[in-house]
Protein backbone atom coordinates (compact mmCIF):
# COMPACT_ATOMS: atom_id res chain seq x y z
CA MET A 1 -110.87 -104.74 -147.73
CA SER A 2 -107.35 -103.41 -148.27
CA GLN A 3 -108.87 -100.86 -150.70
CA LEU A 4 -110.89 -99.23 -147.90
CA ASN A 5 -110.03 -96.55 -145.34
CA LEU A 6 -111.32 -96.60 -141.76
CA LEU A 7 -114.64 -94.87 -142.50
CA ASP A 8 -115.20 -97.04 -145.56
CA ARG A 9 -114.51 -100.16 -143.48
CA PHE A 10 -117.18 -99.13 -140.96
CA GLN A 11 -119.69 -98.45 -143.73
CA TYR A 12 -118.70 -101.70 -145.43
CA LYS A 13 -119.41 -103.75 -142.29
CA PHE A 14 -122.69 -101.94 -141.66
CA PHE A 15 -124.08 -102.35 -145.17
CA GLU A 16 -122.66 -105.86 -145.47
CA GLN A 17 -124.58 -106.96 -142.39
CA LEU A 18 -127.70 -105.13 -143.57
CA SER A 19 -127.44 -106.91 -146.93
CA ARG A 20 -126.98 -110.29 -145.22
CA ASN A 21 -130.06 -109.69 -143.08
CA ARG A 22 -132.08 -108.88 -146.19
CA LEU A 23 -130.72 -111.98 -147.91
CA ALA A 24 -131.73 -114.22 -145.01
CA LYS A 25 -135.21 -112.68 -144.93
CA ILE A 26 -135.94 -113.03 -148.64
CA ALA A 27 -134.45 -116.55 -148.78
CA ALA A 28 -136.76 -117.64 -145.95
CA GLN A 29 -139.77 -116.03 -147.66
CA VAL A 30 -139.01 -117.75 -150.97
CA ALA A 31 -138.63 -121.13 -149.24
CA LYS A 32 -141.93 -120.62 -147.42
CA HIS A 33 -144.05 -119.35 -150.31
CA GLU A 34 -142.71 -121.04 -153.44
CA PRO A 35 -145.42 -123.13 -155.14
CA ASP A 36 -145.38 -126.89 -155.53
CA LYS A 37 -143.04 -127.94 -158.34
CA SER A 38 -143.33 -131.71 -158.28
CA GLY A 39 -143.12 -133.40 -161.66
CA LYS A 40 -141.45 -130.46 -163.39
CA GLN A 41 -137.99 -130.42 -164.94
CA PRO A 42 -135.49 -128.44 -162.86
CA VAL A 43 -132.99 -125.80 -163.87
CA VAL A 44 -129.47 -126.29 -162.49
CA ILE A 45 -127.49 -123.18 -161.53
CA PHE A 46 -123.73 -123.31 -160.92
CA ASN A 47 -121.53 -120.35 -160.04
CA ALA A 48 -118.34 -121.07 -158.09
CA SER A 49 -116.00 -118.38 -159.43
CA THR A 50 -117.40 -114.99 -158.48
CA ARG A 51 -117.24 -114.57 -154.70
CA ILE A 52 -115.77 -115.80 -151.45
CA THR A 53 -117.27 -113.78 -148.60
CA SER A 54 -119.28 -110.96 -150.19
CA LEU A 55 -121.81 -110.84 -153.03
CA ASN A 56 -120.37 -110.30 -156.49
CA GLN A 57 -122.63 -109.00 -159.28
CA ASN A 58 -122.75 -112.32 -161.12
CA ALA A 59 -123.41 -114.22 -157.90
CA ALA A 60 -126.31 -111.84 -157.28
CA PHE A 61 -127.65 -112.27 -160.81
CA SER A 62 -127.80 -116.06 -160.49
CA LEU A 63 -129.25 -115.87 -156.96
CA ILE A 64 -132.07 -113.46 -157.88
CA THR A 65 -132.76 -115.48 -161.02
CA ALA A 66 -133.07 -118.62 -158.90
CA TRP A 67 -135.45 -116.97 -156.43
CA SER A 68 -137.67 -115.67 -159.24
CA LEU A 69 -137.77 -119.03 -161.04
CA ARG A 70 -138.72 -120.78 -157.82
CA MET A 71 -141.53 -118.30 -157.20
CA SER A 72 -142.70 -118.96 -160.78
CA GLY A 73 -142.99 -122.69 -160.14
CA VAL A 74 -139.72 -123.75 -161.76
CA PRO A 75 -137.61 -126.19 -159.70
CA VAL A 76 -134.10 -124.84 -159.18
CA LYS A 77 -131.18 -126.95 -158.09
CA HIS A 78 -127.88 -125.36 -157.07
CA PHE A 79 -124.61 -127.22 -157.59
CA VAL A 80 -122.41 -125.84 -154.82
CA CYS A 81 -118.72 -126.19 -154.01
CA SER A 82 -117.89 -127.49 -150.54
CA GLU A 83 -114.10 -127.60 -150.65
CA GLY A 84 -114.56 -129.25 -154.04
CA MET A 85 -111.40 -127.85 -155.63
CA SER A 86 -107.82 -128.19 -154.47
CA ARG A 87 -107.25 -124.71 -155.93
CA CYS A 88 -109.74 -122.17 -157.26
CA MET A 89 -109.36 -118.85 -159.07
CA LEU A 90 -110.45 -116.43 -156.36
CA GLY A 91 -108.81 -118.32 -153.51
CA THR A 92 -105.42 -118.50 -155.20
CA LYS A 93 -102.88 -115.77 -154.50
CA ARG A 94 -100.52 -115.34 -157.42
CA GLU A 95 -97.68 -114.21 -155.20
CA ASP A 96 -98.19 -117.09 -152.73
CA HIS A 97 -99.44 -120.08 -154.70
CA LEU A 98 -99.18 -122.49 -151.74
CA ARG A 99 -101.33 -120.33 -149.46
CA GLU A 100 -104.21 -122.20 -147.86
CA MET A 101 -107.55 -121.86 -149.65
CA PRO A 102 -110.22 -119.78 -147.84
CA CYS A 103 -112.73 -122.63 -148.20
CA SER A 104 -114.34 -122.24 -144.78
CA LEU A 105 -115.25 -118.59 -145.47
CA CYS A 106 -116.58 -119.45 -148.92
CA VAL A 107 -118.68 -122.38 -147.68
CA GLU A 108 -120.07 -120.22 -144.88
CA ASN A 109 -121.11 -117.64 -147.48
CA SER A 110 -122.65 -120.32 -149.69
CA LYS A 111 -124.73 -121.57 -146.78
CA ARG A 112 -126.15 -118.06 -146.43
CA LEU A 113 -126.82 -117.71 -150.17
CA TYR A 114 -128.53 -121.07 -150.61
CA LYS A 115 -130.37 -121.37 -147.31
CA GLY A 116 -133.74 -122.96 -147.93
CA ALA A 117 -132.78 -123.86 -151.49
CA ASP A 118 -132.28 -127.26 -153.09
CA ALA A 119 -128.49 -127.46 -153.07
CA ALA A 120 -126.18 -130.35 -153.98
CA TRP A 121 -122.80 -129.86 -152.34
CA PHE A 122 -119.73 -131.45 -153.87
CA ASN A 123 -116.32 -132.05 -152.27
CA TYR A 124 -112.90 -132.97 -153.63
CA SER A 125 -111.90 -136.58 -154.26
CA ALA A 126 -108.34 -137.36 -155.28
CA ASP A 127 -107.82 -139.66 -158.26
CA ASP A 128 -104.36 -141.24 -158.01
CA GLN A 129 -104.37 -142.65 -161.53
CA PHE A 130 -105.40 -139.31 -162.98
CA ASP A 131 -102.91 -137.37 -160.84
CA GLY A 132 -100.11 -139.66 -161.99
CA LYS A 133 -100.73 -138.77 -165.63
CA LEU A 134 -100.21 -135.08 -164.81
CA ALA A 135 -97.05 -135.56 -162.77
CA GLY A 136 -93.94 -134.21 -164.46
CA LEU A 137 -95.76 -132.54 -167.38
CA SER A 138 -94.48 -129.17 -168.60
CA THR A 139 -96.76 -126.16 -168.86
CA ALA A 140 -96.94 -126.59 -172.65
CA LYS A 141 -97.92 -130.26 -172.40
CA MET A 142 -100.61 -129.46 -169.84
CA GLU A 143 -102.18 -126.95 -172.25
CA ASN A 144 -103.06 -129.88 -174.52
CA PHE A 145 -103.91 -132.40 -171.80
CA PHE A 146 -106.93 -134.63 -172.48
CA TRP A 147 -108.52 -137.22 -170.20
CA GLU A 148 -111.33 -139.51 -171.27
CA GLY A 149 -111.92 -137.23 -174.23
CA ALA A 150 -112.23 -134.07 -172.13
CA PRO A 151 -109.87 -131.19 -173.12
CA LEU A 152 -109.02 -130.42 -169.50
CA GLY A 153 -105.92 -128.38 -170.33
CA GLN A 154 -107.92 -125.98 -172.49
CA ILE A 155 -110.75 -125.92 -169.94
CA ALA A 156 -108.33 -124.82 -167.19
CA LEU A 157 -106.22 -122.47 -169.33
CA PRO A 158 -108.36 -119.27 -169.31
CA ALA A 159 -108.65 -119.39 -165.52
CA LEU A 160 -104.90 -119.87 -165.13
CA ARG A 161 -104.14 -116.92 -167.39
CA TRP A 162 -106.62 -114.80 -165.45
CA THR A 163 -105.13 -115.85 -162.11
CA LEU A 164 -101.55 -115.19 -163.22
CA ARG A 165 -102.53 -112.02 -165.14
CA ARG A 166 -100.64 -113.09 -168.25
CA HIS A 167 -101.13 -114.88 -171.59
CA HIS A 168 -97.70 -116.45 -172.04
CA LEU A 169 -97.27 -118.92 -169.21
CA LEU A 170 -93.91 -119.59 -167.61
CA ASP A 171 -92.68 -123.15 -167.24
CA ASP A 172 -91.69 -122.68 -163.62
CA ARG A 173 -92.59 -124.60 -160.47
CA SER A 174 -95.45 -122.35 -159.32
CA THR A 175 -97.10 -122.20 -162.77
CA ARG A 176 -96.90 -125.96 -163.23
CA TYR A 177 -98.28 -126.50 -159.74
CA LEU A 178 -101.27 -124.22 -160.28
CA PHE A 179 -101.95 -125.64 -163.73
CA ARG A 180 -101.96 -129.20 -162.35
CA GLU A 181 -104.27 -128.24 -159.49
CA PHE A 182 -106.66 -126.37 -161.80
CA ILE A 183 -106.81 -129.37 -164.15
CA LYS A 184 -107.31 -131.78 -161.24
CA SER A 185 -110.03 -129.54 -159.83
CA ALA A 186 -111.71 -129.20 -163.24
CA TRP A 187 -111.75 -133.00 -163.53
CA ASN A 188 -113.26 -133.30 -160.06
CA VAL A 189 -116.01 -130.82 -160.98
CA ALA A 190 -116.66 -132.72 -164.23
CA LYS A 191 -116.94 -136.07 -162.42
CA LYS A 192 -119.14 -134.74 -159.62
CA PHE A 193 -121.36 -132.77 -161.98
CA SER A 194 -121.74 -135.76 -164.29
CA ALA A 195 -122.79 -137.93 -161.36
CA TYR A 196 -125.25 -135.23 -160.28
CA LEU A 197 -126.80 -135.09 -163.75
CA ASP A 198 -127.29 -138.87 -163.53
CA GLU A 199 -129.68 -138.23 -160.63
CA ILE A 200 -131.78 -135.49 -162.23
CA ASP A 201 -133.19 -134.57 -165.64
CA PRO A 202 -132.68 -130.81 -166.00
CA ARG A 203 -134.22 -128.75 -168.76
CA MET A 204 -131.24 -126.38 -168.66
CA VAL A 205 -127.95 -125.59 -166.92
CA ILE A 206 -127.07 -121.96 -166.11
CA VAL A 207 -123.43 -121.14 -165.34
CA PHE A 208 -121.34 -118.05 -164.83
CA ASN A 209 -119.09 -116.99 -167.71
CA GLY A 210 -118.40 -120.42 -169.21
CA GLN A 211 -114.66 -119.77 -169.46
CA THR A 212 -113.63 -120.07 -165.80
CA PHE A 213 -112.70 -123.71 -165.24
CA PRO A 214 -115.31 -124.93 -162.72
CA GLU A 215 -118.19 -123.64 -164.84
CA ALA A 216 -116.42 -124.55 -168.10
CA ALA A 217 -116.11 -128.16 -166.87
CA ALA A 218 -119.81 -128.28 -165.97
CA LYS A 219 -120.71 -126.72 -169.32
CA TYR A 220 -118.64 -129.34 -171.14
CA VAL A 221 -120.37 -132.19 -169.30
CA ALA A 222 -123.87 -130.77 -169.88
CA LYS A 223 -123.33 -130.09 -173.58
CA LYS A 224 -121.89 -133.55 -174.10
CA ARG A 225 -125.22 -134.88 -172.81
CA GLY A 226 -127.22 -132.55 -175.06
CA ILE A 227 -128.48 -130.40 -172.17
CA PRO A 228 -128.95 -126.70 -173.09
CA VAL A 229 -126.47 -124.40 -171.33
CA VAL A 230 -126.88 -120.69 -170.64
CA THR A 231 -123.92 -118.56 -169.60
CA HIS A 232 -124.07 -115.12 -168.02
CA GLU A 233 -121.77 -112.17 -167.43
CA VAL A 234 -122.06 -108.52 -166.45
CA GLY A 235 -123.81 -106.34 -168.99
CA VAL A 236 -122.58 -103.06 -170.40
CA MET A 237 -124.82 -100.80 -168.32
CA PRO A 238 -124.35 -100.54 -164.52
CA LEU A 239 -125.94 -103.35 -162.48
CA THR A 240 -127.02 -105.27 -165.57
CA GLY A 241 -126.51 -108.90 -166.51
CA PHE A 242 -126.05 -110.51 -169.90
CA PHE A 243 -127.50 -114.01 -170.42
CA THR A 244 -127.03 -116.06 -173.57
CA ALA A 245 -127.29 -119.56 -174.96
CA GLY A 246 -123.91 -118.84 -176.55
CA GLU A 247 -120.61 -117.79 -175.01
CA ALA A 248 -121.20 -114.86 -172.66
CA THR A 249 -117.60 -113.64 -172.93
CA ALA A 250 -118.01 -113.39 -176.73
CA TYR A 251 -121.23 -111.40 -176.21
CA PRO A 252 -123.19 -112.81 -179.19
CA ILE A 253 -126.10 -110.62 -180.27
CA GLU A 254 -128.61 -111.46 -182.99
CA ILE A 255 -130.19 -108.35 -184.49
CA PRO A 256 -133.14 -108.74 -186.86
CA GLU A 257 -132.16 -107.43 -190.30
CA ASP A 258 -135.22 -105.16 -190.45
CA PHE A 259 -134.56 -103.56 -187.04
CA GLU A 260 -134.12 -99.79 -187.31
CA LEU A 261 -133.96 -97.27 -184.48
CA ASN A 262 -136.95 -94.97 -184.24
CA ASN A 263 -136.69 -91.33 -183.15
CA GLU A 264 -137.09 -92.09 -179.46
CA GLN A 265 -134.46 -94.86 -179.58
CA ASN A 266 -132.01 -92.64 -181.49
CA GLU A 267 -132.44 -89.89 -178.90
CA ARG A 268 -131.90 -92.37 -176.07
CA LEU A 269 -128.71 -93.66 -177.68
CA ASP A 270 -127.39 -90.17 -178.36
CA LYS A 271 -127.83 -89.19 -174.70
CA TYR A 272 -125.83 -92.24 -173.64
CA LEU A 273 -123.06 -91.40 -176.10
CA ASP A 274 -122.89 -87.82 -174.86
CA GLN A 275 -122.14 -89.13 -171.37
CA ARG A 276 -119.77 -91.81 -172.61
CA PHE A 277 -117.63 -89.38 -174.55
CA VAL A 278 -116.92 -87.30 -171.43
CA GLY A 279 -116.07 -90.35 -169.32
CA GLN A 280 -119.26 -90.62 -167.27
CA PHE A 281 -119.59 -94.40 -167.43
CA SER A 282 -118.56 -97.65 -165.81
CA MET A 283 -118.31 -101.28 -166.83
CA ALA A 284 -118.84 -104.28 -164.56
CA GLY A 285 -119.22 -101.86 -161.67
CA ILE A 286 -115.79 -100.35 -162.34
CA LYS A 287 -115.25 -96.69 -163.22
CA PHE A 288 -111.94 -96.81 -165.02
CA TRP A 289 -111.21 -93.10 -165.33
CA PRO A 290 -111.93 -90.78 -162.36
CA GLU A 291 -111.64 -87.89 -164.81
CA LEU A 292 -110.68 -87.53 -168.44
CA GLN A 293 -108.03 -85.04 -169.49
CA GLU A 294 -107.88 -83.31 -172.84
CA LEU A 295 -104.72 -83.33 -174.94
CA ASP A 296 -102.10 -80.93 -173.59
CA GLN A 297 -100.07 -78.41 -175.58
CA GLU A 298 -96.99 -80.61 -175.69
CA PHE A 299 -99.01 -83.37 -177.32
CA LEU A 300 -100.65 -80.98 -179.79
CA SER A 301 -97.29 -79.44 -180.72
CA LYS A 302 -95.88 -82.87 -181.55
CA LEU A 303 -99.03 -83.73 -183.50
CA ASP A 304 -98.51 -80.65 -185.71
CA GLN A 305 -95.21 -82.12 -186.91
CA TYR A 306 -96.88 -85.07 -188.63
CA LYS A 307 -99.06 -85.57 -191.66
CA GLN A 308 -101.53 -87.77 -189.80
CA MET A 309 -102.18 -89.45 -186.46
CA VAL A 310 -103.37 -92.98 -185.72
CA PRO A 311 -104.33 -94.10 -182.19
CA ILE A 312 -103.82 -97.76 -181.19
CA PHE A 313 -106.04 -99.18 -178.45
CA THR A 314 -105.07 -102.39 -176.68
CA ASN A 315 -106.80 -104.86 -174.37
CA VAL A 316 -105.93 -106.77 -171.20
CA ILE A 317 -104.10 -109.87 -172.40
CA PHE A 318 -105.43 -112.25 -169.72
CA ASP A 319 -109.11 -111.30 -169.98
CA THR A 320 -111.39 -114.25 -170.74
CA SER A 321 -112.74 -112.43 -173.82
CA GLN A 322 -109.34 -112.76 -175.50
CA HIS A 323 -110.00 -116.45 -176.17
CA HIS A 324 -112.54 -115.36 -178.78
CA ALA A 325 -110.53 -112.43 -180.15
CA ASN A 326 -107.53 -114.40 -181.42
CA VAL A 327 -108.47 -115.11 -185.04
CA ALA A 328 -106.02 -113.33 -187.35
CA PHE A 329 -103.31 -113.33 -184.66
CA GLU A 330 -102.36 -115.90 -182.04
CA GLN A 331 -102.57 -113.20 -179.37
CA MET A 332 -102.42 -109.43 -178.97
CA PHE A 333 -98.64 -109.06 -178.66
CA GLU A 334 -98.14 -110.79 -182.01
CA TRP A 335 -100.30 -108.02 -183.48
CA LEU A 336 -98.30 -105.34 -181.67
CA ASP A 337 -95.07 -106.77 -183.09
CA LEU A 338 -96.47 -106.33 -186.61
CA VAL A 339 -97.62 -102.81 -185.74
CA TYR A 340 -94.11 -101.97 -184.50
CA ASP A 341 -92.65 -102.76 -187.95
CA GLU A 342 -95.27 -100.59 -189.66
CA VAL A 343 -94.54 -97.70 -187.30
CA LYS A 344 -90.87 -97.79 -188.27
CA ASP A 345 -91.80 -97.83 -191.96
CA ASN A 346 -94.11 -94.79 -191.69
CA PRO A 347 -92.12 -91.90 -190.15
CA GLY A 348 -94.66 -89.34 -191.40
CA THR A 349 -97.43 -90.76 -189.21
CA LEU A 350 -97.71 -90.20 -185.47
CA PHE A 351 -98.80 -93.41 -183.71
CA VAL A 352 -100.33 -93.08 -180.24
CA LEU A 353 -100.43 -96.34 -178.26
CA ARG A 354 -102.99 -96.41 -175.45
CA ALA A 355 -102.75 -99.12 -172.75
CA HIS A 356 -106.02 -100.39 -171.34
CA PRO A 357 -106.82 -98.84 -167.92
CA ASP A 358 -107.53 -102.24 -166.38
CA GLU A 359 -103.86 -103.23 -166.68
CA ASP A 360 -103.15 -101.27 -163.50
CA ARG A 361 -106.22 -102.23 -161.46
CA PRO A 362 -105.18 -102.42 -157.76
CA GLY A 363 -104.69 -106.02 -156.71
CA LYS A 364 -105.19 -107.28 -160.27
CA ALA A 365 -102.37 -105.60 -162.19
CA ALA A 366 -101.25 -107.38 -165.36
CA GLN A 367 -98.02 -109.36 -165.12
CA GLU A 368 -97.68 -109.26 -168.89
CA SER A 369 -98.59 -105.76 -169.96
CA VAL A 370 -98.41 -103.38 -172.87
CA GLY A 371 -96.14 -101.21 -170.74
CA GLN A 372 -93.67 -104.09 -170.48
CA TRP A 373 -93.90 -104.67 -174.23
CA VAL A 374 -93.13 -101.00 -174.84
CA GLU A 375 -90.10 -101.16 -172.56
CA LYS A 376 -88.84 -104.37 -174.18
CA THR A 377 -89.25 -103.19 -177.79
CA GLY A 378 -88.36 -99.53 -177.29
CA PHE A 379 -91.60 -98.51 -178.99
CA ASP A 380 -91.71 -95.21 -177.14
CA LYS A 381 -88.15 -94.42 -178.29
CA LEU A 382 -89.26 -94.25 -181.92
CA PRO A 383 -89.59 -90.56 -182.90
CA ASN A 384 -93.11 -90.91 -184.34
CA THR A 385 -94.72 -92.48 -181.27
CA ILE A 386 -96.44 -91.51 -178.04
CA PHE A 387 -97.20 -94.09 -175.36
CA ILE A 388 -100.04 -93.45 -172.92
CA PRO A 389 -99.81 -95.89 -169.96
CA SER A 390 -102.88 -97.24 -168.24
CA SER A 391 -102.42 -94.89 -165.27
CA GLU A 392 -102.93 -91.74 -167.38
CA TYR A 393 -106.47 -90.47 -167.91
CA ILE A 394 -106.07 -88.74 -171.26
CA SER A 395 -109.32 -88.81 -173.19
CA SER A 396 -109.37 -91.58 -175.76
CA TYR A 397 -112.15 -89.71 -177.54
CA ALA A 398 -109.90 -86.69 -178.03
CA LEU A 399 -107.49 -89.03 -179.79
CA VAL A 400 -110.25 -90.45 -181.96
CA GLN A 401 -111.41 -86.97 -182.98
CA ARG A 402 -107.98 -86.17 -184.44
CA ALA A 403 -107.35 -89.61 -185.94
CA LYS A 404 -107.10 -90.49 -189.61
CA PHE A 405 -108.37 -93.92 -188.62
CA VAL A 406 -108.41 -95.99 -185.42
CA MET A 407 -106.58 -99.25 -184.70
CA ILE A 408 -107.93 -101.70 -182.12
CA TYR A 409 -107.45 -105.32 -181.11
CA ASN A 410 -111.02 -105.94 -179.92
CA SER A 411 -111.71 -102.88 -177.76
CA SER A 412 -115.24 -101.46 -177.50
CA ILE A 413 -113.89 -98.03 -178.43
CA GLY A 414 -113.81 -99.34 -181.99
CA LEU A 415 -117.61 -99.26 -182.10
CA GLU A 416 -117.69 -95.78 -180.59
CA SER A 417 -115.07 -94.51 -183.04
CA VAL A 418 -117.32 -95.49 -185.93
CA LEU A 419 -120.11 -93.48 -184.31
CA MET A 420 -117.68 -90.54 -184.12
CA GLY A 421 -117.19 -90.80 -187.88
CA LYS A 422 -113.85 -92.59 -187.94
CA PRO A 423 -113.02 -95.80 -189.84
CA VAL A 424 -111.65 -98.58 -187.64
CA LEU A 425 -109.17 -101.35 -188.41
CA SER A 426 -109.69 -104.28 -186.02
CA ALA A 427 -107.03 -106.94 -185.47
CA GLY A 428 -109.15 -109.20 -183.25
CA LYS A 429 -112.67 -110.55 -183.27
CA ALA A 430 -114.84 -108.22 -181.19
CA ARG A 431 -118.43 -108.29 -180.03
CA PHE A 432 -119.44 -106.14 -182.96
CA THR A 433 -117.38 -107.69 -185.78
CA ALA A 434 -120.18 -110.19 -186.44
CA TYR A 435 -121.82 -107.25 -188.25
CA PRO A 436 -120.22 -104.94 -190.84
CA THR A 437 -119.12 -102.17 -188.48
CA VAL A 438 -115.32 -102.05 -188.81
CA TYR A 439 -112.64 -103.33 -191.19
CA PHE A 440 -111.63 -106.77 -189.92
CA PRO A 441 -109.16 -108.78 -192.07
CA GLN A 442 -109.27 -112.49 -191.29
CA SER A 443 -105.51 -113.15 -191.48
CA ALA A 444 -102.31 -111.44 -190.38
CA ARG A 445 -101.22 -111.14 -194.02
CA ASN A 446 -104.43 -109.40 -195.07
CA TYR A 447 -104.28 -107.21 -191.98
CA LYS A 448 -100.77 -106.02 -192.84
CA LYS A 449 -101.82 -105.19 -196.41
CA MET A 450 -104.89 -103.27 -195.28
CA LEU A 451 -102.91 -101.35 -192.66
CA THR A 452 -100.34 -100.34 -195.30
CA ASP A 453 -103.13 -99.27 -197.68
CA PHE A 454 -104.83 -97.21 -194.97
CA LEU A 455 -101.62 -95.41 -194.06
CA GLU A 456 -100.93 -94.53 -197.69
CA ALA A 457 -104.49 -93.57 -198.67
CA GLU A 458 -105.54 -89.94 -198.85
CA GLU A 459 -108.99 -90.85 -197.52
CA ILE A 460 -110.52 -94.00 -196.04
CA GLU A 461 -114.16 -94.72 -196.68
CA LEU A 462 -116.51 -95.13 -193.76
CA PRO A 463 -119.50 -96.95 -195.31
CA ASP A 464 -122.97 -95.87 -194.23
CA GLU A 465 -123.61 -99.56 -193.50
CA PHE A 466 -120.90 -99.49 -190.79
CA VAL A 467 -122.52 -96.54 -189.02
CA ARG A 468 -126.01 -98.05 -189.29
CA ASN A 469 -124.87 -101.37 -187.88
CA ALA A 470 -122.82 -99.69 -185.13
CA ARG A 471 -125.87 -97.81 -183.88
CA ARG A 472 -128.08 -100.91 -184.10
CA PHE A 473 -125.54 -103.08 -182.31
CA LEU A 474 -124.87 -100.57 -179.55
CA TYR A 475 -128.58 -100.02 -178.93
CA PHE A 476 -129.15 -103.77 -178.66
CA GLN A 477 -126.15 -104.14 -176.38
CA LEU A 478 -127.30 -101.36 -174.07
CA TYR A 479 -131.07 -101.66 -173.99
CA LYS A 480 -132.07 -105.10 -175.25
CA THR A 481 -129.45 -107.56 -173.93
CA SER A 482 -128.29 -105.76 -170.76
CA LEU A 483 -130.86 -106.92 -168.20
CA PRO A 484 -131.24 -104.43 -165.31
CA PHE A 485 -131.04 -105.74 -161.74
CA GLY A 486 -130.93 -102.27 -160.18
CA GLU A 487 -134.26 -102.68 -158.39
CA PHE A 488 -132.66 -105.47 -156.34
CA LEU A 489 -129.04 -104.34 -156.03
CA SER A 490 -126.92 -101.33 -155.13
CA PRO A 491 -123.16 -100.81 -155.63
CA HIS A 492 -120.76 -102.14 -153.01
CA LYS A 493 -117.79 -100.30 -151.51
CA LEU A 494 -115.60 -102.96 -153.15
CA ARG A 495 -115.54 -102.67 -156.93
CA GLY A 496 -117.57 -105.32 -158.74
CA TYR A 497 -119.53 -106.31 -155.64
CA VAL A 498 -123.09 -105.40 -154.65
CA TYR A 499 -125.46 -105.13 -151.72
CA LEU A 500 -129.02 -106.40 -151.70
CA LYS A 501 -131.62 -103.66 -151.57
CA LYS A 502 -134.79 -103.95 -149.54
CA PHE A 503 -137.46 -105.42 -151.79
CA SER A 504 -140.65 -107.41 -151.39
CA LEU A 505 -141.34 -110.98 -152.41
CA ASP A 506 -143.80 -109.67 -155.02
CA GLN A 507 -140.97 -107.95 -156.87
CA LEU A 508 -139.53 -111.37 -157.73
CA SER A 509 -142.65 -112.07 -159.78
CA VAL A 510 -142.14 -112.21 -163.53
CA GLU A 511 -145.14 -109.89 -163.84
CA SER A 512 -143.42 -107.25 -161.72
CA SER A 513 -139.97 -107.22 -163.31
CA PRO A 514 -139.24 -106.96 -167.06
CA THR A 515 -135.80 -108.47 -166.40
CA LEU A 516 -137.13 -111.51 -164.56
CA LYS A 517 -139.92 -111.95 -167.10
CA THR A 518 -137.33 -111.94 -169.90
CA ILE A 519 -135.22 -114.58 -168.12
CA TYR A 520 -138.22 -116.77 -167.29
CA GLU A 521 -139.66 -116.71 -170.81
CA SER A 522 -136.26 -117.34 -172.36
CA ILE A 523 -135.70 -120.38 -170.14
CA MET A 524 -139.17 -121.79 -170.74
CA THR A 525 -139.25 -121.16 -174.52
CA GLU A 526 -136.44 -119.86 -176.74
CA PRO A 527 -133.29 -118.59 -174.94
CA GLU A 528 -133.15 -115.11 -176.52
CA PHE A 529 -132.87 -113.04 -173.30
CA LEU A 530 -133.96 -109.83 -175.04
CA LEU A 531 -135.89 -107.12 -173.22
CA ASP A 532 -139.19 -106.22 -174.86
CA ASN A 533 -138.65 -102.46 -174.91
């Protein structure tokens, strides 16, 4: 709410109430008209990490999915938090870690969301023996904490990094406190979810993200029992969801080898790219750049002084996708340290370091940022460098156009750079590195050698196979795996949140919605979650 002015606040309250009225109406209709489901295996849905008072995109995706499954005769059981965690991600304030949790507001919202649904509510139960094992442990020791075989430290770690907006955790009182509480809460979720699974025999468990600790704990318990688990996240296109039997934050996509874009699909992809390259896009409901600026004369004058230019695109260090990216390097700053040495050794090359725009997101600014790394290392003091902070809206595509090659950690601009005709050297595992699209050495040593070779080479080959796979992957990502929920949702005044549109009960039918049909068929048969378009 702090992001909104007075007029926005009025509109927020109006549309929020309108959305809640629509939610209550459709929930009552589903409860009244859902068919008999006795004797059928249920699907369990658990999402505790995406909202407190309003409706986040992922909360909406799981809610609409549940309504549609119920109307299709599939029993749905919701596992719902009722003050079931001593600390949670969204309720924790980094700057005030002892602040009381907003549990009452969250539970009130959950009662609205799951009214008329089959919901199992879980609370928090202290375990003195368990708590005693955590007492006095350092941050480092908690990272590797196991209990009854469960890697609880690793289960809680991504959520802690996200909450604290940093990768390298401090060993101070507040960090240790939050880590302990997250681990204790993860263990409580695991125990309560395990007991719940003892009562039912689900065909599948659907959770948000799979990296945030409540859902990660539930996923661990379900997989240990051999129960299929589906995770979901926001898709690439606006108001779309991504569902997978794999790790949603890794965005696994399986493309048939014989799949080739036809003329209509190529035209559709080209139109998208035309908009993307001028900045007319958003991700997860967030428009990062209000406007893109071309390179100014000062930049171009400096560029003329060098033989070649190489842009370097970074990521947000605490993002849950980084868990999958760290293959050749332990984490992104280790890669940047190597890059720093290469910059010093190549004075004839201009290196342009671009910080990710999400590092400065209001209310979620990184506490361990590329800007801090630049200040600490003096990167921007080197004569052959330019640093573009996250607050500047200079066009990344203008940089790519003038680049000899492009350096990324695991940024999506790597895929787009290939489609702009530029070879890409990736330091981290990205969504698209499962296919030959970019150069991706599997060790730091091989990366360093390839970077040196690229800087010295007169030309760098961009194989036709890379371009073909880049187009195939991007098309699948945009139009096959991104499931549209736009007929049910509209953007919220708060970024990342949504309102419910007015829609009829019939629209929840799998015969009426390609998205809901895709989800239903994937749950009942093979979990591919691919649109038939």
